[in-house]
Amino acid sequence: MADDLKYGYKGAEPTQSFGNNTGVFDPNDINNLIADNKWTTFGQLELIHTENASSVSSVEFKSSTGTLDLSYNVHFLTINNFKPSNDNAQLVSQVSSNDGSSYYSNAYQFAYQEGKSGGTFGESRTNDFSYLRIIHTTGNATNESGNGYCYFYNLGDSTKFSFQTTQQVCMTGTPELLMQFGSGLFYPNALVFNALKIYSSAGTFSATASLYGIRYS
């Protein structure tokens, strides 16, 4: 961009920040501002951390390590190629309010619907469980895996309950295609949850897990 016509202005460059862009912008201006994290794009996904897990019991995202950024009100988690060591294990989540020293293991609430390619459809629901589900029962044979995504709401807001929504698909140990979608409530108190753990309901697992923040305000 020309120094004497930066963002459409001659002379002093105007201050640019997210939510407060000033000037007339050409594509190069916009690309430069995006690179500087100064261009206003509400709803954009911003990668916080990716974990390439291999034969682990759990993966933790924590504020203290920078792998969980609570400046976002909404987080987005993608799970690619979940492979459990135990046949028909699930990938599940828990939250902590003490940076992962301990995790809440009761009072989770959820309602899910699931269907199998063989024609079986049903639902599962409870108001008191030990975790929330991310990926349903997944087989451990070659080429059997699970994939899905979750949204997390209000993890860093002490005035609101925190929720999870999920949608996923997997191959069970039958093998049979299984899909699931639904929502859950983390521990039913308005708390700041500064650590999030995902783990296999049995044994270890491998997967690529990427956590994003959604910038919308």
Protein backbone atom coordinates (compact mmCIF):
# COMPACT_ATOMS: atom_id res chain seq x y z
CA MET A 1 0.00 0.00 0.00
CA ALA A 2 1.24 3.54 -0.72
CA ASP A 3 2.48 5.35 2.40
CA ASP A 4 0.86 8.62 1.32
CA LEU A 5 -2.54 6.97 0.79
CA LYS A 6 -2.72 4.39 3.56
CA TYR A 7 -6.34 3.28 4.14
CA GLY A 8 -7.49 6.11 1.86
CA TYR A 9 -5.84 8.89 3.88
CA LYS A 10 -2.94 11.18 3.13
CA GLY A 11 -0.57 12.13 5.93
CA ALA A 12 -0.96 10.51 9.35
CA GLU A 13 -2.17 6.93 9.35
CA PRO A 14 -5.47 6.49 11.23
CA THR A 15 -5.56 4.08 14.14
CA GLN A 16 -6.99 0.68 13.21
CA SER A 17 -8.42 -1.88 15.61
CA PHE A 18 -10.97 -4.68 15.61
CA GLY A 19 -14.43 -3.09 15.61
CA ASN A 20 -13.04 0.32 14.66
CA ASN A 21 -11.68 0.44 11.11
CA THR A 22 -11.34 3.86 9.46
CA GLY A 23 -10.60 4.64 5.82
CA VAL A 24 -11.05 3.35 2.30
CA PHE A 25 -9.48 -0.10 1.90
CA ASP A 26 -8.18 -2.00 -1.09
CA PRO A 27 -7.60 -5.79 -0.94
CA ASN A 28 -3.97 -5.37 0.17
CA ASP A 29 -5.05 -3.12 3.04
CA ILE A 30 -7.56 -5.70 4.19
CA ASN A 31 -5.05 -8.56 3.99
CA ASN A 32 -2.54 -6.56 6.03
CA LEU A 33 -5.12 -5.71 8.68
CA ILE A 34 -6.24 -9.35 8.89
CA ALA A 35 -2.62 -10.37 9.42
CA ASP A 36 -2.36 -7.80 12.23
CA ASN A 37 -5.68 -9.01 13.74
CA LYS A 38 -7.16 -5.54 13.26
CA TRP A 39 -9.79 -6.18 10.58
CA THR A 40 -13.39 -6.39 11.75
CA THR A 41 -14.97 -9.71 10.74
CA PHE A 42 -17.65 -10.78 13.18
CA GLY A 43 -18.06 -14.53 13.61
CA GLN A 44 -14.62 -15.48 12.36
CA LEU A 45 -12.96 -18.65 13.63
CA GLU A 46 -9.66 -18.06 15.39
CA LEU A 47 -7.53 -21.11 16.13
CA ILE A 48 -6.47 -21.37 19.78
CA HIS A 49 -4.81 -24.79 19.85
CA THR A 50 -4.55 -28.06 17.93
CA GLU A 51 -3.65 -31.30 19.66
CA ASN A 52 -2.52 -34.30 17.61
CA ALA A 53 -3.21 -36.95 20.21
CA SER A 54 -1.81 -40.46 19.87
CA SER A 55 -2.68 -43.23 22.35
CA VAL A 56 -3.47 -40.83 25.19
CA SER A 57 -5.96 -41.13 28.02
CA SER A 58 -7.08 -37.49 27.78
CA VAL A 59 -6.44 -34.07 26.24
CA GLU A 60 -6.78 -30.91 28.34
CA PHE A 61 -7.37 -27.34 27.23
CA LYS A 62 -6.46 -24.87 30.01
CA SER A 63 -6.41 -21.14 30.52
CA SER A 64 -3.07 -21.38 32.32
CA THR A 65 -1.36 -22.97 29.32
CA GLY A 66 -2.98 -20.76 26.69
CA THR A 67 -4.80 -23.69 25.10
CA LEU A 68 -8.17 -22.32 26.31
CA ASP A 69 -8.83 -18.62 25.78
CA LEU A 70 -11.79 -17.42 27.87
CA SER A 71 -11.96 -14.04 26.14
CA TYR A 72 -14.32 -15.79 23.70
CA ASN A 73 -17.92 -16.40 24.71
CA VAL A 74 -18.28 -19.19 22.16
CA HIS A 75 -15.72 -21.92 21.40
CA PHE A 76 -15.73 -24.41 18.54
CA LEU A 77 -14.05 -27.83 18.80
CA THR A 78 -13.42 -30.13 15.85
CA ILE A 79 -12.56 -33.81 16.25
CA ASN A 80 -10.99 -35.63 13.32
CA ASN A 81 -10.33 -39.39 13.14
CA PHE A 82 -11.18 -40.40 16.70
CA LYS A 83 -9.86 -43.94 17.16
CA PRO A 84 -10.31 -45.58 20.58
CA SER A 85 -8.18 -48.47 21.81
CA ASN A 86 -11.29 -50.17 23.25
CA ASP A 87 -14.07 -51.25 20.93
CA ASN A 88 -17.19 -49.08 21.09
CA ALA A 89 -15.67 -46.47 23.40
CA GLN A 90 -16.91 -42.88 23.34
CA LEU A 91 -15.14 -39.52 23.33
CA VAL A 92 -16.53 -37.40 26.17
CA SER A 93 -15.93 -34.09 27.95
CA GLN A 94 -15.73 -32.66 31.48
CA VAL A 95 -15.01 -29.17 32.81
CA SER A 96 -13.03 -27.78 35.73
CA SER A 97 -13.15 -24.52 37.67
CA ASN A 98 -9.71 -24.95 39.29
CA ASP A 99 -7.50 -25.18 36.19
CA GLY A 100 -7.76 -28.94 35.91
CA SER A 101 -6.75 -29.91 39.44
CA SER A 102 -10.09 -31.73 39.51
CA TYR A 103 -13.00 -32.09 37.11
CA TYR A 104 -16.71 -32.14 37.84
CA SER A 105 -17.94 -35.73 37.55
CA ASN A 106 -21.66 -35.46 38.24
CA ALA A 107 -24.77 -33.39 37.51
CA TYR A 108 -24.18 -33.05 33.75
CA GLN A 109 -27.46 -32.89 31.82
CA PHE A 110 -27.99 -33.86 28.18
CA ALA A 111 -30.49 -34.77 25.48
CA TYR A 112 -29.27 -36.54 22.32
CA GLN A 113 -30.84 -38.11 19.27
CA GLU A 114 -29.03 -40.80 17.35
CA GLY A 115 -29.68 -43.00 14.34
CA LYS A 116 -28.01 -46.01 12.74
CA SER A 117 -27.80 -46.91 9.08
CA GLY A 118 -29.56 -50.20 9.83
CA GLY A 119 -32.72 -48.26 10.67
CA THR A 120 -32.52 -47.97 14.45
CA PHE A 121 -33.32 -44.49 15.80
CA GLY A 122 -33.59 -43.37 19.38
CA GLU A 123 -32.69 -40.83 21.99
CA SER A 124 -30.83 -40.63 25.27
CA ARG A 125 -31.34 -38.10 28.04
CA THR A 126 -30.57 -37.53 31.71
CA ASN A 127 -30.30 -34.74 34.26
CA ASP A 128 -27.43 -36.29 36.23
CA PHE A 129 -24.48 -37.88 34.45
CA SER A 130 -20.68 -37.94 34.79
CA TYR A 131 -19.80 -36.35 31.43
CA LEU A 132 -21.11 -35.00 28.12
CA ARG A 133 -20.68 -37.00 24.93
CA ILE A 134 -18.75 -35.72 21.90
CA ILE A 135 -18.38 -38.87 19.74
CA HIS A 136 -20.65 -41.90 20.22
CA THR A 137 -19.64 -45.59 20.40
CA THR A 138 -16.80 -46.02 17.90
CA GLY A 139 -15.19 -49.24 16.76
CA ASN A 140 -11.46 -49.89 17.03
CA ALA A 141 -10.96 -51.98 13.89
CA THR A 142 -9.02 -50.73 10.87
CA ASN A 143 -10.84 -47.84 9.13
CA GLU A 144 -13.38 -47.45 11.95
CA SER A 145 -13.32 -43.95 13.42
CA GLY A 146 -15.45 -41.03 14.58
CA ASN A 147 -15.61 -37.39 13.51
CA GLY A 148 -17.57 -34.43 14.81
CA TYR A 149 -17.70 -30.95 16.23
CA CYS A 150 -18.94 -29.13 19.33
CA TYR A 151 -19.83 -25.61 20.33
CA PHE A 152 -19.19 -24.51 23.91
CA TYR A 153 -21.03 -21.50 25.32
CA ASN A 154 -20.20 -19.19 28.26
CA LEU A 155 -17.22 -21.13 29.67
CA GLY A 156 -15.68 -17.89 30.93
CA ASP A 157 -18.86 -16.14 32.11
CA SER A 158 -19.54 -16.42 35.84
CA THR A 159 -23.09 -15.09 35.40
CA LYS A 160 -24.35 -17.77 32.98
CA PHE A 161 -24.65 -21.53 32.75
CA SER A 162 -22.29 -23.24 30.27
CA PHE A 163 -23.58 -25.46 27.48
CA GLN A 164 -22.32 -27.82 24.78
CA THR A 165 -23.93 -28.74 21.47
CA THR A 166 -22.54 -31.54 19.32
CA GLN A 167 -22.97 -33.24 15.97
CA GLN A 168 -21.00 -36.32 14.97
CA VAL A 169 -20.76 -39.42 12.82
CA CYS A 170 -18.87 -42.64 13.50
CA MET A 171 -18.55 -46.31 12.62
CA THR A 172 -19.48 -48.60 15.48
CA GLY A 173 -17.82 -51.92 16.20
CA THR A 174 -20.69 -53.79 14.48
CA PRO A 175 -19.68 -52.12 12.05
CA GLU A 176 -22.54 -49.71 11.38
CA LEU A 177 -22.81 -46.03 10.58
CA LEU A 178 -24.09 -44.00 13.54
CA MET A 179 -24.98 -40.31 13.66
CA GLN A 180 -25.78 -38.20 16.73
CA PHE A 181 -26.72 -34.64 17.53
CA GLY A 182 -27.81 -32.96 20.73
CA SER A 183 -27.00 -30.62 23.56
CA GLY A 184 -25.84 -30.70 27.14
CA LEU A 185 -25.44 -28.59 30.24
CA PHE A 186 -22.16 -28.63 32.12
CA TYR A 187 -22.20 -28.62 35.93
CA PRO A 188 -25.41 -26.65 36.72
CA ASN A 189 -23.92 -23.58 38.37
CA ALA A 190 -22.91 -20.25 36.88
CA LEU A 191 -19.12 -20.69 37.15
CA VAL A 192 -15.98 -19.86 35.21
CA PHE A 193 -14.70 -23.12 33.73
CA ASN A 194 -11.01 -22.56 33.03
CA ALA A 195 -10.15 -26.11 31.95
CA LEU A 196 -11.81 -28.53 29.54
CA LYS A 197 -10.92 -32.22 29.29
CA ILE A 198 -11.79 -34.65 26.51
CA TYR A 199 -11.11 -38.34 27.02
CA SER A 200 -12.14 -41.82 26.01
CA SER A 201 -14.82 -43.52 28.09
CA ALA A 202 -12.57 -46.61 28.09
CA GLY A 203 -8.90 -47.08 27.34
CA THR A 204 -6.87 -44.59 25.30
CA PHE A 205 -7.53 -42.82 22.01
CA SER A 206 -5.95 -41.04 19.08
CA ALA A 207 -7.43 -38.01 17.30
CA THR A 208 -6.76 -34.52 16.03
CA ALA A 209 -8.59 -32.00 18.22
CA SER A 210 -8.66 -28.30 17.29
CA LEU A 211 -10.18 -25.65 19.54
CA TYR A 212 -11.21 -22.29 18.09
CA GLY A 213 -12.66 -19.10 19.49
CA ILE A 214 -15.48 -17.36 17.61
CA ARG A 215 -15.03 -13.62 17.49
CA TYR A 216 -18.40 -11.94 17.33
CA SER A 217 -18.17 -8.95 19.65
